Amino acid sequence: MKKFNSFLIIIFTFVLAQPIFAGDKGYVGDDGIEIEVTRISNPAPTYPRRAIRLGVEGSVRLEFDVDTDGSVLDPYVVESKPAGVFDRAAIKAVRKFLYEPPMYNNTSVKVNNVQIHLTFQLAD
């Protein structure tokens, strides 16, 4: 029975619990110039087991910077519903995201205040 439960968790995690991603934009320098950053790797967050068991769905809005090499810096939760349920999974996944190195005026730049919204949904 334990193997079957583990199998169900894996199925929910990888197939049914895929987040929905929104566009990614941030700001360069003190001028507040908005640029779009292109995500090239976005591993799906692991759906928390407790949320699966309870049938809970929700969302998390995160903010972070994208470094000149395309890596994510200092992600943190701006808002989450229900509060605290998906925060850890969202932050852990976002730390693994990779972006094309951001460019502005033919120079690699750090992009600040990128916000994304992850939605956690179970299949019907």
PDB file of N, CA and C in Angstrom:
ATOM      1  N   MET A   1       0.817  -1.195   0.000  1.00  0.00           N
ATOM      2  CA  MET A   1       0.000   0.000   0.000  1.00  0.00           C
ATOM      3  C   MET A   1       0.867   1.267   0.000  1.00  0.00           C
ATOM      4  N   LYS A   2       2.004   1.201   0.730  1.00  0.00           N
ATOM      5  CA  LYS A   2       2.896   2.355   0.770  1.00  0.00           C
ATOM      6  C   LYS A   2       3.425   2.678  -0.621  1.00  0.00           C
ATOM      7  N   LYS A   3       3.768   1.635  -1.385  1.00  0.00           N
ATOM      8  CA  LYS A   3       4.282   1.846  -2.740  1.00  0.00           C
ATOM      9  C   LYS A   3       3.216   2.494  -3.614  1.00  0.00           C
ATOM     10  N   PHE A   4       1.973   2.067  -3.450  1.00  0.00           N
ATOM     11  CA  PHE A   4       0.882   2.636  -4.234  1.00  0.00           C
ATOM     12  C   PHE A   4       0.697   4.112  -3.886  1.00  0.00           C
ATOM     13  N   ASN A   5       0.720   4.459  -2.591  1.00  0.00           N
ATOM     14  CA  ASN A   5       0.593   5.864  -2.179  1.00  0.00           C
ATOM     15  C   ASN A   5       1.741   6.699  -2.724  1.00  0.00           C
ATOM     16  N   SER A   6       2.952   6.158  -2.685  1.00  0.00           N
ATOM     17  CA  SER A   6       4.106   6.871  -3.238  1.00  0.00           C
ATOM     18  C   SER A   6       3.926   7.089  -4.727  1.00  0.00           C
ATOM     19  N   PHE A   7       3.413   6.075  -5.403  1.00  0.00           N
ATOM     20  CA  PHE A   7       3.172   6.183  -6.840  1.00  0.00           C
ATOM     21  C   PHE A   7       2.162   7.292  -7.129  1.00  0.00           C
ATOM     22  N   LEU A   8       1.087   7.361  -6.342  1.00  0.00           N
ATOM     23  CA  LEU A   8       0.093   8.412  -6.534  1.00  0.00           C
ATOM     24  C   LEU A   8       0.687   9.800  -6.322  1.00  0.00           C
ATOM     25  N   ILE A   9       1.535   9.939  -5.325  1.00  0.00           N
ATOM     26  CA  ILE A   9       2.168  11.229  -5.066  1.00  0.00           C
ATOM     27  C   ILE A   9       3.041  11.633  -6.245  1.00  0.00           C
ATOM     28  N   ILE A  10       3.775  10.696  -6.789  1.00  0.00           N
ATOM     29  CA  ILE A  10       4.620  10.983  -7.950  1.00  0.00           C
ATOM     30  C   ILE A  10       3.764  11.400  -9.131  1.00  0.00           C
ATOM     31  N   ILE A  11       2.677  10.694  -9.372  1.00  0.00           N
ATOM     32  CA  ILE A  11       1.777  11.050 -10.476  1.00  0.00           C
ATOM     33  C   ILE A  11       1.238  12.469 -10.286  1.00  0.00           C
ATOM     34  N   PHE A  12       0.734  12.786  -9.092  1.00  0.00           N
ATOM     35  CA  PHE A  12       0.213  14.127  -8.832  1.00  0.00           C
ATOM     36  C   PHE A  12       1.303  15.182  -9.004  1.00  0.00           C
ATOM     37  N   THR A  13       2.495  14.879  -8.524  1.00  0.00           N
ATOM     38  CA  THR A  13       3.575  15.849  -8.570  1.00  0.00           C
ATOM     39  C   THR A  13       3.991  16.175  -9.996  1.00  0.00           C
ATOM     40  N   PHE A  14       4.172  15.168 -10.826  1.00  0.00           N
ATOM     41  CA  PHE A  14       4.735  15.401 -12.151  1.00  0.00           C
ATOM     42  C   PHE A  14       3.711  15.592 -13.260  1.00  0.00           C
ATOM     43  N   VAL A  15       2.518  15.070 -13.116  1.00  0.00           N
ATOM     44  CA  VAL A  15       1.555  15.160 -14.204  1.00  0.00           C
ATOM     45  C   VAL A  15       0.432  16.131 -13.895  1.00  0.00           C
ATOM     46  N   LEU A  16      -0.181  15.987 -12.756  1.00  0.00           N
ATOM     47  CA  LEU A  16      -1.384  16.749 -12.461  1.00  0.00           C
ATOM     48  C   LEU A  16      -1.128  18.087 -11.782  1.00  0.00           C
ATOM     49  N   ALA A  17       0.023  18.260 -11.204  1.00  0.00           N
ATOM     50  CA  ALA A  17       0.268  19.445 -10.390  1.00  0.00           C
ATOM     51  C   ALA A  17       1.190  20.448 -11.074  1.00  0.00           C
ATOM     52  N   GLN A  18       1.117  20.553 -12.374  1.00  0.00           N
ATOM     53  CA  GLN A  18       1.965  21.492 -13.085  1.00  0.00           C
ATOM     54  C   GLN A  18       1.484  22.917 -12.851  1.00  0.00           C
ATOM     55  N   PRO A  19       2.400  23.826 -12.509  1.00  0.00           N
ATOM     56  CA  PRO A  19       2.003  25.212 -12.315  1.00  0.00           C
ATOM     57  C   PRO A  19       1.780  25.913 -13.647  1.00  0.00           C
ATOM     58  N   ILE A  20       1.065  27.019 -13.594  1.00  0.00           N
ATOM     59  CA  ILE A  20       0.836  27.844 -14.764  1.00  0.00           C
ATOM     60  C   ILE A  20       1.740  29.069 -14.629  1.00  0.00           C
ATOM     61  N   PHE A  21       2.551  29.351 -15.656  1.00  0.00           N
ATOM     62  CA  PHE A  21       3.508  30.442 -15.580  1.00  0.00           C
ATOM     63  C   PHE A  21       3.013  31.672 -16.320  1.00  0.00           C
ATOM     64  N   ALA A  22       3.254  32.834 -15.742  1.00  0.00           N
ATOM     65  CA  ALA A  22       2.954  34.103 -16.404  1.00  0.00           C
ATOM     66  C   ALA A  22       4.245  34.674 -16.980  1.00  0.00           C
ATOM     67  N   GLY A  23       4.142  35.773 -17.767  1.00  0.00           N
ATOM     68  CA  GLY A  23       5.314  36.412 -18.347  1.00  0.00           C
ATOM     69  C   GLY A  23       6.221  36.993 -17.270  1.00  0.00           C
ATOM     70  N   ASP A  24       7.516  37.117 -17.580  1.00  0.00           N
ATOM     71  CA  ASP A  24       8.499  37.573 -16.608  1.00  0.00           C
ATOM     72  C   ASP A  24       9.097  38.899 -17.066  1.00  0.00           C
ATOM     73  N   LYS A  25       8.934  39.943 -16.265  1.00  0.00           N
ATOM     74  CA  LYS A  25       9.488  41.257 -16.568  1.00  0.00           C
ATOM     75  C   LYS A  25      10.104  41.817 -15.304  1.00  0.00           C
ATOM     76  N   GLY A  26      11.121  42.650 -15.497  1.00  0.00           N
ATOM     77  CA  GLY A  26      11.773  43.282 -14.361  1.00  0.00           C
ATOM     78  C   GLY A  26      12.331  44.630 -14.777  1.00  0.00           C
ATOM     79  N   TYR A  27      13.143  45.201 -13.919  1.00  0.00           N
ATOM     80  CA  TYR A  27      13.647  46.555 -14.132  1.00  0.00           C
ATOM     81  C   TYR A  27      15.167  46.580 -14.119  1.00  0.00           C
ATOM     82  N   VAL A  28      15.731  47.449 -14.961  1.00  0.00           N
ATOM     83  CA  VAL A  28      17.176  47.608 -15.065  1.00  0.00           C
ATOM     84  C   VAL A  28      17.565  48.961 -14.496  1.00  0.00           C
ATOM     85  N   GLY A  29      18.552  48.948 -13.620  1.00  0.00           N
ATOM     86  CA  GLY A  29      19.113  50.192 -13.101  1.00  0.00           C
ATOM     87  C   GLY A  29      18.141  51.041 -12.322  1.00  0.00           C
ATOM     88  N   ASP A  30      18.580  52.257 -12.044  1.00  0.00           N
ATOM     89  CA  ASP A  30      17.781  53.198 -11.253  1.00  0.00           C
ATOM     90  C   ASP A  30      16.757  53.942 -12.096  1.00  0.00           C
ATOM     91  N   ASP A  31      16.860  53.806 -13.419  1.00  0.00           N
ATOM     92  CA  ASP A  31      15.944  54.511 -14.315  1.00  0.00           C
ATOM     93  C   ASP A  31      14.571  53.860 -14.386  1.00  0.00           C
ATOM     94  N   GLY A  32      14.457  52.644 -13.875  1.00  0.00           N
ATOM     95  CA  GLY A  32      13.179  51.942 -13.905  1.00  0.00           C
ATOM     96  C   GLY A  32      12.784  51.474 -15.290  1.00  0.00           C
ATOM     97  N   ILE A  33      13.761  51.145 -16.105  1.00  0.00           N
ATOM     98  CA  ILE A  33      13.492  50.662 -17.459  1.00  0.00           C
ATOM     99  C   ILE A  33      13.055  49.210 -17.377  1.00  0.00           C
ATOM    100  N   GLU A  34      11.846  48.944 -17.867  1.00  0.00           N
ATOM    101  CA  GLU A  34      11.295  47.587 -17.802  1.00  0.00           C
ATOM    102  C   GLU A  34      11.776  46.771 -19.002  1.00  0.00           C
ATOM    103  N   ILE A  35      12.269  45.569 -18.720  1.00  0.00           N
ATOM    104  CA  ILE A  35      12.640  44.646 -19.798  1.00  0.00           C
ATOM    105  C   ILE A  35      12.082  43.263 -19.490  1.00  0.00           C
ATOM    106  N   GLU A  36      11.891  42.498 -20.537  1.00  0.00           N
ATOM    107  CA  GLU A  36      11.399  41.131 -20.393  1.00  0.00           C
ATOM    108  C   GLU A  36      12.588  40.191 -20.318  1.00  0.00           C
ATOM    109  N   VAL A  37      12.497  39.203 -19.448  1.00  0.00           N
ATOM    110  CA  VAL A  37      13.533  38.183 -19.345  1.00  0.00           C
ATOM    111  C   VAL A  37      12.944  36.860 -19.825  1.00  0.00           C
ATOM    112  N   THR A  38      13.771  36.087 -20.518  1.00  0.00           N
ATOM    113  CA  THR A  38      13.309  34.842 -21.125  1.00  0.00           C
ATOM    114  C   THR A  38      13.775  33.650 -20.310  1.00  0.00           C
ATOM    115  N   ARG A  39      12.816  32.913 -19.807  1.00  0.00           N
ATOM    116  CA  ARG A  39      13.108  31.721 -19.007  1.00  0.00           C
ATOM    117  C   ARG A  39      13.472  30.575 -19.942  1.00  0.00           C
ATOM    118  N   ILE A  40      14.615  29.929 -19.692  1.00  0.00           N
ATOM    119  CA  ILE A  40      15.032  28.797 -20.527  1.00  0.00           C
ATOM    120  C   ILE A  40      14.960  27.471 -19.776  1.00  0.00           C
ATOM    121  N   SER A  41      14.820  27.542 -18.479  1.00  0.00           N
ATOM    122  CA  SER A  41      14.668  26.330 -17.674  1.00  0.00           C
ATOM    123  C   SER A  41      13.752  26.661 -16.508  1.00  0.00           C
ATOM    124  N   ASN A  42      12.696  25.861 -16.371  1.00  0.00           N
ATOM    125  CA  ASN A  42      11.762  26.120 -15.281  1.00  0.00           C
ATOM    126  C   ASN A  42      11.215  24.811 -14.722  1.00  0.00           C
ATOM    127  N   PRO A  43      12.017  24.164 -13.881  1.00  0.00           N
ATOM    128  CA  PRO A  43      11.527  22.932 -13.273  1.00  0.00           C
ATOM    129  C   PRO A  43      10.250  23.178 -12.467  1.00  0.00           C
ATOM    130  N   ALA A  44       9.310  22.279 -12.618  1.00  0.00           N
ATOM    131  CA  ALA A  44       8.035  22.414 -11.904  1.00  0.00           C
ATOM    132  C   ALA A  44       8.245  22.195 -10.405  1.00  0.00           C
ATOM    133  N   PRO A  45       7.562  22.992  -9.602  1.00  0.00           N
ATOM    134  CA  PRO A  45       7.641  22.776  -8.155  1.00  0.00           C
ATOM    135  C   PRO A  45       6.996  21.445  -7.770  1.00  0.00           C
ATOM    136  N   THR A  46       7.444  20.905  -6.685  1.00  0.00           N
ATOM    137  CA  THR A  46       6.835  19.701  -6.141  1.00  0.00           C
ATOM    138  C   THR A  46       5.574  20.103  -5.383  1.00  0.00           C
ATOM    139  N   TYR A  47       4.467  19.477  -5.724  1.00  0.00           N
ATOM    140  CA  TYR A  47       3.206  19.780  -5.036  1.00  0.00           C
ATOM    141  C   TYR A  47       3.311  19.232  -3.618  1.00  0.00           C
ATOM    142  N   PRO A  48       3.107  20.042  -2.592  1.00  0.00           N
ATOM    143  CA  PRO A  48       3.215  19.560  -1.210  1.00  0.00           C
ATOM    144  C   PRO A  48       2.261  18.391  -0.937  1.00  0.00           C
ATOM    145  N   ARG A  49       2.768  17.372  -0.307  1.00  0.00           N
ATOM    146  CA  ARG A  49       1.975  16.156  -0.040  1.00  0.00           C
ATOM    147  C   ARG A  49       0.703  16.463   0.752  1.00  0.00           C
ATOM    148  N   ARG A  50       0.840  17.318   1.731  1.00  0.00           N
ATOM    149  CA  ARG A  50      -0.326  17.646   2.566  1.00  0.00           C
ATOM    150  C   ARG A  50      -1.414  18.319   1.728  1.00  0.00           C
ATOM    151  N   ALA A  51      -1.007  19.179   0.816  1.00  0.00           N
ATOM    152  CA  ALA A  51      -1.974  19.861  -0.050  1.00  0.00           C
ATOM    153  C   ALA A  51      -2.663  18.863  -0.974  1.00  0.00           C
ATOM    154  N   ILE A  52      -1.928  17.860  -1.438  1.00  0.00           N
ATOM    155  CA  ILE A  52      -2.529  16.809  -2.269  1.00  0.00           C
ATOM    156  C   ILE A  52      -3.567  16.046  -1.456  1.00  0.00           C
ATOM    157  N   ARG A  53      -3.150  15.632  -0.254  1.00  0.00           N
ATOM    158  CA  ARG A  53      -4.047  14.851   0.614  1.00  0.00           C
ATOM    159  C   ARG A  53      -5.331  15.607   0.918  1.00  0.00           C
ATOM    160  N   LEU A  54      -5.214  16.913   1.134  1.00  0.00           N
ATOM    161  CA  LEU A  54      -6.375  17.720   1.497  1.00  0.00           C
ATOM    162  C   LEU A  54      -7.097  18.307   0.286  1.00  0.00           C
ATOM    163  N   GLY A  55      -6.538  18.090  -0.893  1.00  0.00           N
ATOM    164  CA  GLY A  55      -7.155  18.617  -2.110  1.00  0.00           C
ATOM    165  C   GLY A  55      -7.075  20.130  -2.225  1.00  0.00           C
ATOM    166  N   VAL A  56      -6.024  20.708  -1.663  1.00  0.00           N
ATOM    167  CA  VAL A  56      -5.871  22.168  -1.642  1.00  0.00           C
ATOM    168  C   VAL A  56      -5.184  22.652  -2.915  1.00  0.00           C
ATOM    169  N   GLU A  57      -5.717  23.719  -3.482  1.00  0.00           N
ATOM    170  CA  GLU A  57      -5.101  24.404  -4.616  1.00  0.00           C
ATOM    171  C   GLU A  57      -4.789  25.822  -4.173  1.00  0.00           C
ATOM    172  N   GLY A  58      -3.895  26.486  -4.892  1.00  0.00           N
ATOM    173  CA  GLY A  58      -3.566  27.850  -4.501  1.00  0.00           C
ATOM    174  C   GLY A  58      -2.595  28.507  -5.454  1.00  0.00           C
ATOM    175  N   SER A  59      -2.047  29.616  -4.994  1.00  0.00           N
ATOM    176  CA  SER A  59      -1.114  30.361  -5.831  1.00  0.00           C
ATOM    177  C   SER A  59      -0.096  31.093  -4.963  1.00  0.00           C
ATOM    178  N   VAL A  60       1.036  31.408  -5.597  1.00  0.00           N
ATOM    179  CA  VAL A  60       2.108  32.133  -4.926  1.00  0.00           C
ATOM    180  C   VAL A  60       2.654  33.181  -5.894  1.00  0.00           C
ATOM    181  N   ARG A  61       2.774  34.411  -5.430  1.00  0.00           N
ATOM    182  CA  ARG A  61       3.444  35.462  -6.202  1.00  0.00           C
ATOM    183  C   ARG A  61       4.814  35.664  -5.556  1.00  0.00           C
ATOM    184  N   LEU A  62       5.857  35.537  -6.389  1.00  0.00           N
ATOM    185  CA  LEU A  62       7.221  35.675  -5.902  1.00  0.00           C
ATOM    186  C   LEU A  62       7.914  36.841  -6.587  1.00  0.00           C
ATOM    187  N   GLU A  63       8.922  37.363  -5.917  1.00  0.00           N
ATOM    188  CA  GLU A  63       9.766  38.403  -6.514  1.00  0.00           C
ATOM    189  C   GLU A  63      11.218  38.009  -6.318  1.00  0.00           C
ATOM    190  N   PHE A  64      12.058  38.347  -7.314  1.00  0.00           N
ATOM    191  CA  PHE A  64      13.480  38.012  -7.270  1.00  0.00           C
ATOM    192  C   PHE A  64      14.208  38.843  -8.304  1.00  0.00           C
ATOM    193  N   ASP A  65      15.531  38.742  -8.301  1.00  0.00           N
ATOM    194  CA  ASP A  65      16.358  39.389  -9.305  1.00  0.00           C
ATOM    195  C   ASP A  65      16.923  38.306 -10.215  1.00  0.00           C
ATOM    196  N   VAL A  66      17.250  38.690 -11.445  1.00  0.00           N
ATOM    197  CA  VAL A  66      17.929  37.788 -12.381  1.00  0.00           C
ATOM    198  C   VAL A  66      19.320  38.357 -12.601  1.00  0.00           C
ATOM    199  N   ASP A  67      20.341  37.569 -12.282  1.00  0.00           N
ATOM    200  CA  ASP A  67      21.727  38.015 -12.389  1.00  0.00           C
ATOM    201  C   ASP A  67      22.180  38.053 -13.850  1.00  0.00           C
ATOM    202  N   THR A  68      23.337  38.611 -14.080  1.00  0.00           N
ATOM    203  CA  THR A  68      23.871  38.767 -15.439  1.00  0.00           C
ATOM    204  C   THR A  68      24.075  37.431 -16.158  1.00  0.00           C
ATOM    205  N   ASP A  69      24.211  36.346 -15.395  1.00  0.00           N
ATOM    206  CA  ASP A  69      24.381  35.020 -16.013  1.00  0.00           C
ATOM    207  C   ASP A  69      23.059  34.280 -16.195  1.00  0.00           C
ATOM    208  N   GLY A  70      21.945  34.901 -15.796  1.00  0.00           N
ATOM    209  CA  GLY A  70      20.626  34.296 -15.949  1.00  0.00           C
ATOM    210  C   GLY A  70      20.132  33.526 -14.739  1.00  0.00           C
ATOM    211  N   SER A  71      20.916  33.492 -13.678  1.00  0.00           N
ATOM    212  CA  SER A  71      20.486  32.776 -12.470  1.00  0.00           C
ATOM    213  C   SER A  71      19.582  33.656 -11.614  1.00  0.00           C
ATOM    214  N   VAL A  72      18.774  33.007 -10.784  1.00  0.00           N
ATOM    215  CA  VAL A  72      17.824  33.696  -9.906  1.00  0.00           C
ATOM    216  C   VAL A  72      18.513  34.044  -8.591  1.00  0.00           C
ATOM    217  N   LEU A  73      18.288  35.272  -8.148  1.00  0.00           N
ATOM    218  CA  LEU A  73      18.854  35.746  -6.882  1.00  0.00           C
ATOM    219  C   LEU A  73      17.751  36.121  -5.900  1.00  0.00           C
ATOM    220  N   ASP A  74      17.875  35.659  -4.681  1.00  0.00           N
ATOM    221  CA  ASP A  74      17.045  36.088  -3.550  1.00  0.00           C
ATOM    222  C   ASP A  74      15.538  36.062  -3.770  1.00  0.00           C
ATOM    223  N   PRO A  75      14.986  34.906  -4.129  1.00  0.00           N
ATOM    224  CA  PRO A  75      13.529  34.864  -4.284  1.00  0.00           C
ATOM    225  C   PRO A  75      12.821  34.965  -2.926  1.00  0.00           C
ATOM    226  N   TYR A  76      11.680  35.643  -2.922  1.00  0.00           N
ATOM    227  CA  TYR A  76      10.869  35.702  -1.716  1.00  0.00           C
ATOM    228  C   TYR A  76       9.394  35.805  -2.104  1.00  0.00           C
ATOM    229  N   VAL A  77       8.544  35.415  -1.179  1.00  0.00           N
ATOM    230  CA  VAL A  77       7.100  35.399  -1.411  1.00  0.00           C
ATOM    231  C   VAL A  77       6.529  36.791  -1.155  1.00  0.00           C
ATOM    232  N   VAL A  78       5.783  37.294  -2.146  1.00  0.00           N
ATOM    233  CA  VAL A  78       5.093  38.569  -2.027  1.00  0.00           C
ATOM    234  C   VAL A  78       3.681  38.330  -1.495  1.00  0.00           C
ATOM    235  N   GLU A  79       3.053  37.265  -2.007  1.00  0.00           N
ATOM    236  CA  GLU A  79       1.681  36.937  -1.617  1.00  0.00           C
ATOM    237  C   GLU A  79       1.447  35.458  -1.880  1.00  0.00           C
ATOM    238  N   SER A  80       0.690  34.821  -1.024  1.00  0.00           N
ATOM    239  CA  SER A  80       0.322  33.420  -1.265  1.00  0.00           C
ATOM    240  C   SER A  80      -1.067  33.143  -0.721  1.00  0.00           C
ATOM    241  N   LYS A  81      -1.772  32.282  -1.441  1.00  0.00           N
ATOM    242  CA  LYS A  81      -3.128  31.877  -1.041  1.00  0.00           C
ATOM    243  C   LYS A  81      -3.262  30.385  -1.275  1.00  0.00           C
ATOM    244  N   PRO A  82      -3.627  29.611  -0.302  1.00  0.00           N
ATOM    245  CA  PRO A  82      -3.680  29.964   1.114  1.00  0.00           C
ATOM    246  C   PRO A  82      -2.268  30.225   1.656  1.00  0.00           C
ATOM    247  N   ALA A  83      -2.185  31.100   2.600  1.00  0.00           N
ATOM    248  CA  ALA A  83      -0.898  31.551   3.136  1.00  0.00           C
ATOM    249  C   ALA A  83      -0.055  30.388   3.648  1.00  0.00           C
ATOM    250  N   GLY A  84       1.188  30.337   3.184  1.00  0.00           N
ATOM    251  CA  GLY A  84       2.162  29.373   3.698  1.00  0.00           C
ATOM    252  C   GLY A  84       2.112  27.973   3.133  1.00  0.00           C
ATOM    253  N   VAL A  85       1.079  27.586   2.433  1.00  0.00           N
ATOM    254  CA  VAL A  85       0.931  26.202   1.979  1.00  0.00           C
ATOM    255  C   VAL A  85       1.921  25.856   0.869  1.00  0.00           C
ATOM    256  N   PHE A  86       2.088  26.743  -0.109  1.00  0.00           N
ATOM    257  CA  PHE A  86       2.915  26.454  -1.278  1.00  0.00           C
ATOM    258  C   PHE A  86       4.215  27.259  -1.316  1.00  0.00           C
ATOM    259  N   ASP A  87       4.473  28.077  -0.302  1.00  0.00           N
ATOM    260  CA  ASP A  87       5.620  28.982  -0.309  1.00  0.00           C
ATOM    261  C   ASP A  87       6.950  28.263  -0.498  1.00  0.00           C
ATOM    262  N   ARG A  88       7.201  27.260   0.316  1.00  0.00           N
ATOM    263  CA  ARG A  88       8.484  26.557   0.279  1.00  0.00           C
ATOM    264  C   ARG A  88       8.700  25.883  -1.074  1.00  0.00           C
ATOM    265  N   ALA A  89       7.677  25.232  -1.601  1.00  0.00           N
ATOM    266  CA  ALA A  89       7.793  24.549  -2.894  1.00  0.00           C
ATOM    267  C   ALA A  89       8.055  25.549  -4.016  1.00  0.00           C
ATOM    268  N   ALA A  90       7.391  26.694  -3.952  1.00  0.00           N
ATOM    269  CA  ALA A  90       7.561  27.716  -4.985  1.00  0.00           C
ATOM    270  C   ALA A  90       8.970  28.304  -4.953  1.00  0.00           C
ATOM    271  N   ILE A  91       9.461  28.649  -3.783  1.00  0.00           N
ATOM    272  CA  ILE A  91      10.808  29.220  -3.663  1.00  0.00           C
ATOM    273  C   ILE A  91      11.859  28.212  -4.102  1.00  0.00           C
ATOM    274  N   LYS A  92      11.705  26.975  -3.681  1.00  0.00           N
ATOM    275  CA  LYS A  92      12.674  25.938  -4.051  1.00  0.00           C
ATOM    276  C   LYS A  92      12.738  25.768  -5.575  1.00  0.00           C
ATOM    277  N   ALA A  93      11.598  25.789  -6.234  1.00  0.00           N
ATOM    278  CA  ALA A  93      11.563  25.643  -7.694  1.00  0.00           C
ATOM    279  C   ALA A  93      12.163  26.862  -8.387  1.00  0.00           C
ATOM    280  N   VAL A  94      11.797  28.053  -7.936  1.00  0.00           N
ATOM    281  CA  VAL A  94      12.266  29.282  -8.583  1.00  0.00           C
ATOM    282  C   VAL A  94      13.784  29.415  -8.482  1.00  0.00           C
ATOM    283  N   ARG A  95      14.359  28.953  -7.402  1.00  0.00           N
ATOM    284  CA  ARG A  95      15.825  28.988  -7.277  1.00  0.00           C
ATOM    285  C   ARG A  95      16.512  28.190  -8.375  1.00  0.00           C
ATOM    286  N   LYS A  96      15.809  27.226  -8.949  1.00  0.00           N
ATOM    287  CA  LYS A  96      16.370  26.385 -10.013  1.00  0.00           C
ATOM    288  C   LYS A  96      16.088  26.930 -11.414  1.00  0.00           C
ATOM    289  N   PHE A  97      15.274  27.969 -11.520  1.00  0.00           N
ATOM    290  CA  PHE A  97      14.977  28.571 -12.821  1.00  0.00           C
ATOM    291  C   PHE A  97      16.266  29.126 -13.422  1.00  0.00           C
ATOM    292  N   LEU A  98      16.308  29.144 -14.744  1.00  0.00           N
ATOM    293  CA  LEU A  98      17.433  29.744 -15.450  1.00  0.00           C
ATOM    294  C   LEU A  98      16.884  30.588 -16.586  1.00  0.00           C
ATOM    295  N   TYR A  99      17.426  31.775 -16.740  1.00  0.00           N
ATOM    296  CA  TYR A  99      17.010  32.715 -17.772  1.00  0.00           C
ATOM    297  C   TYR A  99      18.151  32.933 -18.755  1.00  0.00           C
ATOM    298  N   GLU A 100      17.785  33.346 -19.971  1.00  0.00           N
ATOM    299  CA  GLU A 100      18.816  33.804 -20.888  1.00  0.00           C
ATOM    300  C   GLU A 100      19.466  35.006 -20.216  1.00  0.00           C
ATOM    301  N   PRO A 101      20.799  35.128 -20.309  1.00  0.00           N
ATOM    302  CA  PRO A 101      21.423  36.293 -19.679  1.00  0.00           C
ATOM    303  C   PRO A 101      20.778  37.587 -20.180  1.00  0.00           C
ATOM    304  N   PRO A 102      20.240  38.395 -19.271  1.00  0.00           N
ATOM    305  CA  PRO A 102      19.537  39.612 -19.680  1.00  0.00           C
ATOM    306  C   PRO A 102      20.489  40.615 -20.341  1.00  0.00           C
ATOM    307  N   MET A 103      20.018  41.238 -21.403  1.00  0.00           N
ATOM    308  CA  MET A 103      20.824  42.213 -22.146  1.00  0.00           C
ATOM    309  C   MET A 103      20.057  43.531 -22.252  1.00  0.00           C
ATOM    310  N   TYR A 104      20.792  44.613 -22.117  1.00  0.00           N
ATOM    311  CA  TYR A 104      20.236  45.945 -22.348  1.00  0.00           C
ATOM    312  C   TYR A 104      21.339  46.800 -22.962  1.00  0.00           C
ATOM    313  N   ASN A 105      21.064  47.392 -24.102  1.00  0.00           N
ATOM    314  CA  ASN A 105      22.073  48.172 -24.841  1.00  0.00           C
ATOM    315  C   ASN A 105      23.333  47.344 -25.105  1.00  0.00           C
ATOM    316  N   ASN A 106      23.120  46.096 -25.530  1.00  0.00           N
ATOM    317  CA  ASN A 106      24.210  45.166 -25.849  1.00  0.00           C
ATOM    318  C   ASN A 106      25.148  44.882 -24.681  1.00  0.00           C
ATOM    319  N   THR A 107      24.630  45.035 -23.478  1.00  0.00           N
ATOM    320  CA  THR A 107      25.404  44.758 -22.274  1.00  0.00           C
ATOM    321  C   THR A 107      24.611  43.815 -21.389  1.00  0.00           C
ATOM    322  N   SER A 108      25.294  42.840 -20.814  1.00  0.00           N
ATOM    323  CA  SER A 108      24.653  41.933 -19.871  1.00  0.00           C
ATOM    324  C   SER A 108      24.342  42.707 -18.592  1.00  0.00           C
ATOM    325  N   VAL A 109      23.098  42.611 -18.135  1.00  0.00           N
ATOM    326  CA  VAL A 109      22.667  43.393 -16.972  1.00  0.00           C
ATOM    327  C   VAL A 109      21.948  42.517 -15.952  1.00  0.00           C
ATOM    328  N   LYS A 110      21.922  42.995 -14.732  1.00  0.00           N
ATOM    329  CA  LYS A 110      21.109  42.381 -13.683  1.00  0.00           C
ATOM    330  C   LYS A 110      19.717  43.003 -13.762  1.00  0.00           C
ATOM    331  N   VAL A 111      18.698  42.161 -13.685  1.00  0.00           N
ATOM    332  CA  VAL A 111      17.311  42.637 -13.740  1.00  0.00           C
ATOM    333  C   VAL A 111      16.700  42.487 -12.348  1.00  0.00           C
ATOM    334  N   ASN A 112      16.136  43.567 -11.866  1.00  0.00           N
ATOM    335  CA  ASN A 112      15.579  43.610 -10.512  1.00  0.00           C
ATOM    336  C   ASN A 112      14.062  43.486 -10.517  1.00  0.00           C
ATOM    337  N   ASN A 113      13.546  43.028  -9.399  1.00  0.00           N
ATOM    338  CA  ASN A 113      12.109  43.019  -9.127  1.00  0.00           C
ATOM    339  C   ASN A 113      11.283  42.248 -10.161  1.00  0.00           C
ATOM    340  N   VAL A 114      11.794  41.107 -10.592  1.00  0.00           N
ATOM    341  CA  VAL A 114      11.006  40.238 -11.469  1.00  0.00           C
ATOM    342  C   VAL A 114       9.943  39.577 -10.598  1.00  0.00           C
ATOM    343  N   GLN A 115       8.711  39.638 -11.040  1.00  0.00           N
ATOM    344  CA  GLN A 115       7.629  38.983 -10.302  1.00  0.00           C
ATOM    345  C   GLN A 115       6.993  37.925 -11.174  1.00  0.00           C
ATOM    346  N   ILE A 116       6.730  36.782 -10.573  1.00  0.00           N
ATOM    347  CA  ILE A 116       6.000  35.722 -11.257  1.00  0.00           C
ATOM    348  C   ILE A 116       4.894  35.225 -10.340  1.00  0.00           C
ATOM    349  N   HIS A 117       3.920  34.628 -10.955  1.00  0.00           N
ATOM    350  CA  HIS A 117       2.765  34.085 -10.237  1.00  0.00           C
ATOM    351  C   HIS A 117       2.684  32.599 -10.591  1.00  0.00           C
ATOM    352  N   LEU A 118       2.815  31.739  -9.603  1.00  0.00           N
ATOM    353  CA  LEU A 118       2.669  30.303  -9.806  1.00  0.00           C
ATOM    354  C   LEU A 118       1.310  29.871  -9.276  1.00  0.00           C
ATOM    355  N   THR A 119       0.585  29.130 -10.093  1.00  0.00           N
ATOM    356  CA  THR A 119      -0.713  28.608  -9.684  1.00  0.00           C
ATOM    357  C   THR A 119      -0.606  27.100  -9.542  1.00  0.00           C
ATOM    358  N   PHE A 120      -0.986  26.589  -8.403  1.00  0.00           N
ATOM    359  CA  PHE A 120      -0.954  25.161  -8.135  1.00  0.00           C
ATOM    360  C   PHE A 120      -2.374  24.615  -8.272  1.00  0.00           C
ATOM    361  N   GLN A 121      -2.566  23.706  -9.228  1.00  0.00           N
ATOM    362  CA  GLN A 121      -3.889  23.137  -9.470  1.00  0.00           C
ATOM    363  C   GLN A 121      -3.804  21.625  -9.578  1.00  0.00           C
ATOM    364  N   LEU A 122      -4.766  20.970  -8.989  1.00  0.00           N
ATOM    365  CA  LEU A 122      -4.909  19.528  -9.142  1.00  0.00           C
ATOM    366  C   LEU A 122      -5.837  19.273 -10.321  1.00  0.00           C
ATOM    367  N   ALA A 123      -5.641  18.163 -10.998  1.00  0.00           N
ATOM    368  CA  ALA A 123      -6.515  17.827 -12.125  1.00  0.00           C
ATOM    369  C   ALA A 123      -7.906  17.467 -11.599  1.00  0.00           C
ATOM    370  N   ASP A 124      -8.894  17.725 -12.418  1.00  0.00           N
ATOM    371  CA  ASP A 124     -10.282  17.394 -12.041  1.00  0.00           C
ATOM    372  C   ASP A 124     -10.520  15.902 -12.048  1.00  0.00           C
TER     373      ASP A 124
END
